[in-house]
C-alpha atoms as a PDB file:
ATOM      1  CA  UNK A   1      -2.449  -7.475 -12.710  1.00  0.00           C
ATOM      2  CA  UNK A   2      -0.720  -9.345  -9.912  1.00  0.00           C
ATOM      3  CA  UNK A   3       0.752  -7.578  -6.845  1.00  0.00           C
ATOM      4  CA  UNK A   4       4.276  -8.365  -8.189  1.00  0.00           C
ATOM      5  CA  UNK A   5       3.302  -6.787 -11.597  1.00  0.00           C
ATOM      6  CA  UNK A   6       1.968  -3.622  -9.902  1.00  0.00           C
ATOM      7  CA  UNK A   7       5.036  -3.338  -7.815  1.00  0.00           C
ATOM      8  CA  UNK A   8       7.772  -3.460 -10.432  1.00  0.00           C
ATOM      9  CA  UNK A   9       6.654  -1.268 -13.367  1.00  0.00           C
ATOM     10  CA  UNK A  10       4.262   1.143 -11.784  1.00  0.00           C
ATOM     11  CA  UNK A  11       5.477   2.312  -8.351  1.00  0.00           C
ATOM     12  CA  UNK A  12       8.762   0.740  -7.321  1.00  0.00           C
ATOM     13  CA  UNK A  13      10.518   0.495 -10.715  1.00  0.00           C
ATOM     14  CA  UNK A  14      12.140  -2.673  -9.367  1.00  0.00           C
ATOM     15  CA  UNK A  15      11.119  -6.125  -8.072  1.00  0.00           C
ATOM     16  CA  UNK A  16      10.875  -7.038  -4.400  1.00  0.00           C
ATOM     17  CA  UNK A  17      13.995  -8.075  -2.601  1.00  0.00           C
ATOM     18  CA  UNK A  18      14.480 -11.501  -1.028  1.00  0.00           C
ATOM     19  CA  UNK A  19      12.960 -10.570   2.391  1.00  0.00           C
ATOM     20  CA  UNK A  20       9.951  -8.660   0.825  1.00  0.00           C
ATOM     21  CA  UNK A  21       8.957 -11.571  -1.478  1.00  0.00           C
ATOM     22  CA  UNK A  22       7.061 -13.156   1.368  1.00  0.00           C
ATOM     23  CA  UNK A  23       5.011 -10.030   1.855  1.00  0.00           C
ATOM     24  CA  UNK A  24       4.252  -9.788  -1.893  1.00  0.00           C
ATOM     25  CA  UNK A  25       3.207 -13.394  -1.994  1.00  0.00           C
ATOM     26  CA  UNK A  26       1.027 -13.038   1.156  1.00  0.00           C
ATOM     27  CA  UNK A  27      -0.645  -9.893  -0.257  1.00  0.00           C
ATOM     28  CA  UNK A  28      -1.474 -11.782  -3.370  1.00  0.00           C
ATOM     29  CA  UNK A  29      -3.460 -14.334  -1.266  1.00  0.00           C
ATOM     30  CA  UNK A  30      -5.485 -11.453   0.282  1.00  0.00           C
ATOM     31  CA  UNK A  31      -6.925 -10.290  -3.055  1.00  0.00           C
ATOM     32  CA  UNK A  32     -10.610 -11.063  -3.651  1.00  0.00           C
ATOM     33  CA  UNK A  33     -11.800 -12.717  -6.824  1.00  0.00           C
ATOM     34  CA  UNK A  34     -12.134 -10.037  -9.515  1.00  0.00           C
ATOM     35  CA  UNK A  35     -10.219  -7.380  -7.525  1.00  0.00           C
ATOM     36  CA  UNK A  36      -7.896  -5.358  -9.645  1.00  0.00           C
ATOM     37  CA  UNK A  37      -4.533  -4.312  -8.376  1.00  0.00           C
ATOM     38  CA  UNK A  38      -3.656  -0.750  -9.322  1.00  0.00           C
ATOM     39  CA  UNK A  39      -0.369  -0.013  -7.437  1.00  0.00           C
ATOM     40  CA  UNK A  40       1.861  -1.512  -4.797  1.00  0.00           C
ATOM     41  CA  UNK A  41       4.857  -0.315  -2.787  1.00  0.00           C
ATOM     42  CA  UNK A  42       7.221  -1.873  -0.357  1.00  0.00           C
ATOM     43  CA  UNK A  43       6.926   0.267   2.786  1.00  0.00           C
ATOM     44  CA  UNK A  44       7.351   0.659   6.510  1.00  0.00           C
ATOM     45  CA  UNK A  45       3.885   0.295   8.032  1.00  0.00           C
ATOM     46  CA  UNK A  46       2.758   1.889  11.253  1.00  0.00           C
ATOM     47  CA  UNK A  47      -0.320   1.292  13.238  1.00  0.00           C
ATOM     48  CA  UNK A  48      -1.324   2.719  16.646  1.00  0.00           C
ATOM     49  CA  UNK A  49       0.554  -0.081  18.415  1.00  0.00           C
ATOM     50  CA  UNK A  50       2.909  -1.587  15.949  1.00  0.00           C
ATOM     51  CA  UNK A  51       5.556  -1.013  13.247  1.00  0.00           C
ATOM     52  CA  UNK A  52       6.470  -3.624  10.611  1.00  0.00           C
ATOM     53  CA  UNK A  53       7.968  -3.951   7.073  1.00  0.00           C
ATOM     54  CA  UNK A  54       5.689  -4.924   4.379  1.00  0.00           C
ATOM     55  CA  UNK A  55       3.756  -3.984   1.255  1.00  0.00           C
ATOM     56  CA  UNK A  56       0.887  -1.661   0.682  1.00  0.00           C
ATOM     57  CA  UNK A  57      -1.431  -2.523  -2.193  1.00  0.00           C
ATOM     58  CA  UNK A  58      -4.055  -0.243  -3.691  1.00  0.00           C
ATOM     59  CA  UNK A  59      -6.815  -2.104  -5.592  1.00  0.00           C
ATOM     60  CA  UNK A  60     -10.031  -0.874  -7.249  1.00  0.00           C
ATOM     61  CA  UNK A  61     -11.823  -1.876  -3.942  1.00  0.00           C
ATOM     62  CA  UNK A  62      -9.439  -1.839  -1.041  1.00  0.00           C
ATOM     63  CA  UNK A  63      -6.177  -0.683   0.480  1.00  0.00           C
ATOM     64  CA  UNK A  64      -4.183  -3.596   1.822  1.00  0.00           C
ATOM     65  CA  UNK A  65      -1.137  -3.478   4.169  1.00  0.00           C
ATOM     66  CA  UNK A  66       0.552  -6.880   4.504  1.00  0.00           C
ATOM     67  CA  UNK A  67       3.639  -8.411   6.071  1.00  0.00           C
ATOM     68  CA  UNK A  68       4.303 -12.077   5.153  1.00  0.00           C
ATOM     69  CA  UNK A  69       7.568 -12.477   6.984  1.00  0.00           C
ATOM     70  CA  UNK A  70       7.407 -15.474   9.273  1.00  0.00           C
ATOM     71  CA  UNK A  71       6.993 -14.424  12.957  1.00  0.00           C
ATOM     72  CA  UNK A  72       5.655 -10.950  11.897  1.00  0.00           C
ATOM     73  CA  UNK A  73       2.762 -12.040   9.604  1.00  0.00           C
ATOM     74  CA  UNK A  74      -0.020  -9.358   9.661  1.00  0.00           C
ATOM     75  CA  UNK A  75      -2.596  -7.778   7.364  1.00  0.00           C
ATOM     76  CA  UNK A  76      -4.906  -4.761   7.411  1.00  0.00           C
ATOM     77  CA  UNK A  77      -7.544  -4.521   4.716  1.00  0.00           C
ATOM     78  CA  UNK A  78      -9.733  -1.384   4.295  1.00  0.00           C
ATOM     79  CA  UNK A  79     -12.523  -0.929   1.886  1.00  0.00           C
ATOM     80  CA  UNK A  80     -11.999   2.280  -0.048  1.00  0.00           C
ATOM     81  CA  UNK A  81     -15.637   3.157   0.506  1.00  0.00           C
ATOM     82  CA  UNK A  82     -14.935   2.947   4.286  1.00  0.00           C
ATOM     83  CA  UNK A  83     -12.013   5.353   4.343  1.00  0.00           C
ATOM     84  CA  UNK A  84     -12.808   8.571   6.232  1.00  0.00           C
ATOM     85  CA  UNK A  85      -9.331  10.061   5.695  1.00  0.00           C
ATOM     86  CA  UNK A  86      -6.440   9.436   3.261  1.00  0.00           C
ATOM     87  CA  UNK A  87      -3.771  11.991   3.956  1.00  0.00           C
ATOM     88  CA  UNK A  88      -0.490  12.452   2.154  1.00  0.00           C
ATOM     89  CA  UNK A  89       2.631  14.091   3.494  1.00  0.00           C
ATOM     90  CA  UNK A  90       5.765  14.551   1.494  1.00  0.00           C
ATOM     91  CA  UNK A  91       9.113  15.637   2.831  1.00  0.00           C
ATOM     92  CA  UNK A  92      12.656  15.698   1.382  1.00  0.00           C
ATOM     93  CA  UNK A  93      13.494  12.185   2.678  1.00  0.00           C
ATOM     94  CA  UNK A  94      10.074  10.527   3.111  1.00  0.00           C
ATOM     95  CA  UNK A  95       6.612  10.254   1.509  1.00  0.00           C
ATOM     96  CA  UNK A  96       3.906   9.218   4.015  1.00  0.00           C
ATOM     97  CA  UNK A  97       0.174   8.384   3.634  1.00  0.00           C
ATOM     98  CA  UNK A  98      -2.147   7.675   6.484  1.00  0.00           C
ATOM     99  CA  UNK A  99      -5.311   5.644   5.742  1.00  0.00           C
ATOM    100  CA  UNK A 100      -8.225   5.830   8.338  1.00  0.00           C
ATOM    101  CA  UNK A 101     -11.600   4.219   8.729  1.00  0.00           C
ATOM    102  CA  UNK A 102     -13.823   4.620  11.778  1.00  0.00           C
ATOM    103  CA  UNK A 103     -12.363   1.475  13.389  1.00  0.00           C
ATOM    104  CA  UNK A 104      -8.708   1.385  12.346  1.00  0.00           C
ATOM    105  CA  UNK A 105      -5.820   3.269  10.853  1.00  0.00           C
ATOM    106  CA  UNK A 106      -2.334   2.635   9.435  1.00  0.00           C
ATOM    107  CA  UNK A 107       0.350   4.887   7.896  1.00  0.00           C
ATOM    108  CA  UNK A 108       3.041   3.953   5.398  1.00  0.00           C
ATOM    109  CA  UNK A 109       6.328   5.629   4.576  1.00  0.00           C
ATOM    110  CA  UNK A 110       8.438   5.159   1.444  1.00  0.00           C
ATOM    111  CA  UNK A 111      11.122   6.998  -0.512  1.00  0.00           C
ATOM    112  CA  UNK A 112       9.851  10.252  -2.128  1.00  0.00           C
ATOM    113  CA  UNK A 113      10.396   8.850  -5.691  1.00  0.00           C
ATOM    114  CA  UNK A 114       8.148   5.868  -4.909  1.00  0.00           C
ATOM    115  CA  UNK A 115       5.661   8.292  -3.301  1.00  0.00           C
ATOM    116  CA  UNK A 116       5.513  10.385  -6.477  1.00  0.00           C
ATOM    117  CA  UNK A 117       4.432   7.252  -8.432  1.00  0.00           C
ATOM    118  CA  UNK A 118       1.894   6.287  -5.688  1.00  0.00           C
ATOM    119  CA  UNK A 119       0.452   9.742  -5.220  1.00  0.00           C
ATOM    120  CA  UNK A 120      -1.948   9.677  -8.254  1.00  0.00           C
ATOM    121  CA  UNK A 121      -3.485   6.531  -6.973  1.00  0.00           C
ATOM    122  CA  UNK A 122      -4.008   8.094  -3.522  1.00  0.00           C
ATOM    123  CA  UNK A 123      -5.471  11.103  -5.263  1.00  0.00           C
ATOM    124  CA  UNK A 124      -7.940   8.798  -7.011  1.00  0.00           C
ATOM    125  CA  UNK A 125      -9.012   7.432  -3.587  1.00  0.00           C
ATOM    126  CA  UNK A 126      -9.528  11.029  -2.447  1.00  0.00           C
ATOM    127  CA  UNK A 127     -11.720  11.766  -5.477  1.00  0.00           C
ATOM    128  CA  UNK A 128      -9.175  13.501  -7.665  1.00  0.00           C
ATOM    129  CA  UNK A 129      -8.650  11.414 -10.782  1.00  0.00           C
ATOM    130  CA  UNK A 130      -5.127  12.342 -11.803  1.00  0.00           C
ATOM    131  CA  UNK A 131      -4.587   9.001 -13.621  1.00  0.00           C
ATOM    132  CA  UNK A 132      -6.560   9.843 -16.715  1.00  0.00           C
END
Protein backbone atom coordinates (compact mmCIF):
# COMPACT_ATOMS: atom_id res chain seq x y z
CA UNK A 1 0.00 0.00 0.00
CA UNK A 2 1.30 3.45 -0.86
CA UNK A 3 1.39 6.33 1.62
CA UNK A 4 -1.44 8.00 -0.30
CA UNK A 5 -3.55 4.83 -0.10
CA UNK A 6 -2.89 4.51 3.65
CA UNK A 7 -3.85 8.12 4.18
CA UNK A 8 -7.20 8.21 2.44
CA UNK A 9 -9.23 5.15 3.45
CA UNK A 10 -7.62 4.16 6.71
CA UNK A 11 -6.94 7.20 8.86
CA UNK A 12 -7.85 10.50 7.24
CA UNK A 13 -10.91 9.38 5.26
CA UNK A 14 -9.86 11.93 2.62
CA UNK A 15 -6.94 12.68 0.34
CA UNK A 16 -4.14 15.14 1.05
CA UNK A 17 -4.71 18.77 0.20
CA UNK A 18 -2.60 20.72 -2.25
CA UNK A 19 0.08 21.76 0.26
CA UNK A 20 0.36 18.33 1.89
CA UNK A 21 0.83 16.43 -1.39
CA UNK A 22 4.54 17.33 -1.33
CA UNK A 23 4.88 15.71 2.10
CA UNK A 24 2.99 12.59 0.97
CA UNK A 25 5.23 12.25 -2.09
CA UNK A 26 8.38 12.83 -0.01
CA UNK A 27 7.31 10.22 2.58
CA UNK A 28 6.81 7.74 -0.25
CA UNK A 29 10.48 8.17 -1.26
CA UNK A 30 11.59 7.35 2.30
CA UNK A 31 10.04 3.87 2.30
CA UNK A 32 12.46 0.96 2.17
CA UNK A 33 12.07 -1.84 -0.39
CA UNK A 34 9.51 -4.31 0.97
CA UNK A 35 8.36 -1.98 3.76
CA UNK A 36 4.58 -2.12 4.21
CA UNK A 37 2.65 1.05 4.98
CA UNK A 38 -0.03 0.49 7.61
CA UNK A 39 -1.36 3.98 8.41
CA UNK A 40 -0.69 7.61 7.64
CA UNK A 41 -1.99 10.93 8.91
CA UNK A 42 -1.46 14.57 8.03
CA UNK A 43 -0.26 16.13 11.29
CA UNK A 44 1.48 18.95 13.06
CA UNK A 45 4.89 17.55 14.03
CA UNK A 46 6.89 18.77 17.02
CA UNK A 47 10.52 18.06 17.88
CA UNK A 48 12.58 19.42 20.74
CA UNK A 49 13.64 22.37 18.59
CA UNK A 50 11.15 22.62 15.78
CA UNK A 51 7.52 22.51 14.67
CA UNK A 52 6.41 21.78 11.12
CA UNK A 53 3.42 20.49 9.12
CA UNK A 54 3.74 17.11 7.50
CA UNK A 55 2.72 13.50 7.47
CA UNK A 56 3.34 10.68 9.92
CA UNK A 57 3.52 7.20 8.43
CA UNK A 58 3.43 3.96 10.43
CA UNK A 59 4.87 0.98 8.60
CA UNK A 60 5.56 -2.59 9.64
CA UNK A 61 9.16 -1.52 10.44
CA UNK A 62 9.29 2.20 11.20
CA UNK A 63 7.53 5.40 12.16
CA UNK A 64 8.26 8.23 9.73
CA UNK A 65 7.57 11.94 10.12
CA UNK A 66 8.10 13.85 6.90
CA UNK A 67 7.62 17.33 5.51
CA UNK A 68 8.22 17.76 1.79
CA UNK A 69 7.29 21.42 1.51
CA UNK A 70 10.10 23.33 -0.25
CA UNK A 71 12.11 25.31 2.27
CA UNK A 72 10.92 23.15 5.20
CA UNK A 73 11.91 19.70 3.93
CA UNK A 74 12.66 17.35 6.88
CA UNK A 75 12.29 13.77 7.93
CA UNK A 76 12.60 11.67 11.05
CA UNK A 77 12.66 7.89 10.67
CA UNK A 78 12.57 5.64 13.74
CA UNK A 79 12.74 1.86 13.76
CA UNK A 80 9.84 0.44 15.76
CA UNK A 81 12.29 -1.88 17.51
CA UNK A 82 14.23 1.20 18.76
CA UNK A 83 11.21 2.95 20.29
CA UNK A 84 11.48 3.24 24.05
CA UNK A 85 8.23 5.10 24.48
CA UNK A 86 5.12 5.62 22.39
CA UNK A 87 2.61 7.61 24.41
CA UNK A 88 -0.90 8.65 23.38
CA UNK A 89 -2.89 11.56 24.80
CA UNK A 90 -6.42 12.27 23.69
CA UNK A 91 -8.30 15.44 24.53
CA UNK A 92 -11.53 16.96 23.26
CA UNK A 93 -9.86 19.00 20.52
CA UNK A 94 -6.65 17.07 19.88
CA UNK A 95 -5.07 13.61 19.75
CA UNK A 96 -1.33 13.56 20.39
CA UNK A 97 1.28 10.81 20.16
CA UNK A 98 4.91 11.08 21.24
CA UNK A 99 7.46 8.68 19.78
CA UNK A 100 10.85 8.38 21.56
CA UNK A 101 14.06 6.49 21.02
CA UNK A 102 17.26 6.91 23.03
CA UNK A 103 18.54 9.54 20.59
CA UNK A 104 15.51 11.43 19.31
CA UNK A 105 11.84 12.15 19.76
CA UNK A 106 8.93 13.73 17.98
CA UNK A 107 5.29 14.31 18.75
CA UNK A 108 2.37 14.63 16.39
CA UNK A 109 -1.06 16.11 16.87
CA UNK A 110 -4.20 15.56 14.83
CA UNK A 111 -7.96 15.86 15.08
CA UNK A 112 -9.47 13.34 17.57
CA UNK A 113 -11.39 11.53 14.79
CA UNK A 114 -8.15 10.91 12.90
CA UNK A 115 -6.56 9.89 16.21
CA UNK A 116 -9.27 7.29 16.79
CA UNK A 117 -8.35 5.68 13.46
CA UNK A 118 -4.62 5.90 14.21
CA UNK A 119 -4.82 4.63 17.80
CA UNK A 120 -5.05 0.88 16.97
CA UNK A 121 -1.80 1.18 15.00
CA UNK A 122 -0.10 2.92 17.93
CA UNK A 123 -1.45 0.20 20.23
CA UNK A 124 0.17 -2.43 17.96
CA UNK A 125 3.50 -0.64 18.34
CA UNK A 126 3.02 -0.78 22.11
CA UNK A 127 2.34 -4.52 21.96
CA UNK A 128 -1.46 -4.43 22.13
CA UNK A 129 -2.74 -5.90 18.89
CA UNK A 130 -6.17 -4.24 18.57
CA UNK A 131 -6.22 -4.57 14.79
CA UNK A 132 -7.10 -8.27 14.67
